[in-house]
Protein backbone atom coordinates (compact mmCIF):
# COMPACT_ATOMS: atom_id res chain seq x y z
CA UNK A 1 105.43 117.28 98.40
CA UNK A 2 104.59 115.34 101.66
CA UNK A 3 104.36 116.95 104.71
CA UNK A 4 106.57 114.59 106.41
CA UNK A 5 109.35 114.89 103.75
CA UNK A 6 109.18 118.82 104.23
CA UNK A 7 109.46 118.51 107.82
CA UNK A 8 112.48 116.04 107.79
CA UNK A 9 113.97 118.41 105.07
CA UNK A 10 113.47 121.31 107.36
CA UNK A 11 115.27 119.77 110.12
CA UNK A 12 118.36 118.53 107.86
CA UNK A 13 118.59 121.34 105.47
CA UNK A 14 116.13 124.39 106.29
CA UNK A 15 116.76 126.42 103.36
CA UNK A 16 115.62 123.85 100.86
CA UNK A 17 112.37 123.36 102.75
CA UNK A 18 111.84 127.14 102.74
CA UNK A 19 112.65 127.06 98.91
CA UNK A 20 110.06 124.44 98.33
CA UNK A 21 107.53 125.99 100.43
CA UNK A 22 107.57 129.58 99.54
CA UNK A 23 109.91 129.82 96.58
CA UNK A 24 112.71 132.21 96.06
CA UNK A 25 112.19 135.29 97.91
CA UNK A 26 112.76 137.22 101.01
CA UNK A 27 111.69 134.29 103.34
CA UNK A 28 114.30 132.01 101.63
CA UNK A 29 116.92 134.72 101.69
CA UNK A 30 116.23 135.24 105.53
CA UNK A 31 116.26 131.51 106.14
CA UNK A 32 119.76 131.41 104.51
CA UNK A 33 120.98 134.07 106.89
CA UNK A 34 119.63 132.39 109.89
CA UNK A 35 120.92 129.12 108.89
CA UNK A 36 124.27 130.64 108.62
CA UNK A 37 124.17 132.19 112.09
CA UNK A 38 123.19 128.50 113.45
CA UNK A 39 121.31 125.39 112.64
CA UNK A 40 118.42 125.98 115.24
CA UNK A 41 117.42 129.57 114.13
CA UNK A 42 117.30 128.33 110.60
CA UNK A 43 115.08 125.20 111.52
CA UNK A 44 112.81 126.95 113.76
CA UNK A 45 112.08 129.66 110.84
CA UNK A 46 111.48 126.81 108.38
CA UNK A 47 109.14 124.85 110.61
CA UNK A 48 107.49 128.06 111.40
CA UNK A 49 106.73 129.05 107.66
CA UNK A 50 105.49 125.46 106.89
CA UNK A 51 103.05 125.48 109.86
CA UNK A 52 101.87 129.06 109.87
CA UNK A 53 98.91 128.65 108.00
CA UNK A 54 97.68 125.56 109.84
CA UNK A 55 95.00 125.80 112.47
CA UNK A 56 96.00 125.00 116.20
CA UNK A 57 92.95 123.00 116.77
């Protein structure tokens, strides 16, 4: 899936972006809990998961 589409999906509906990125597991369940607590924590977690393996340079 395209990175742009995953980023837009992470902004609109973070759990689906995490499910596509990591599959069903602890990260997905954690993101659902964060998303229920508030939109921003779920979105930040989803974006972090998608970009944690990318180099900063």
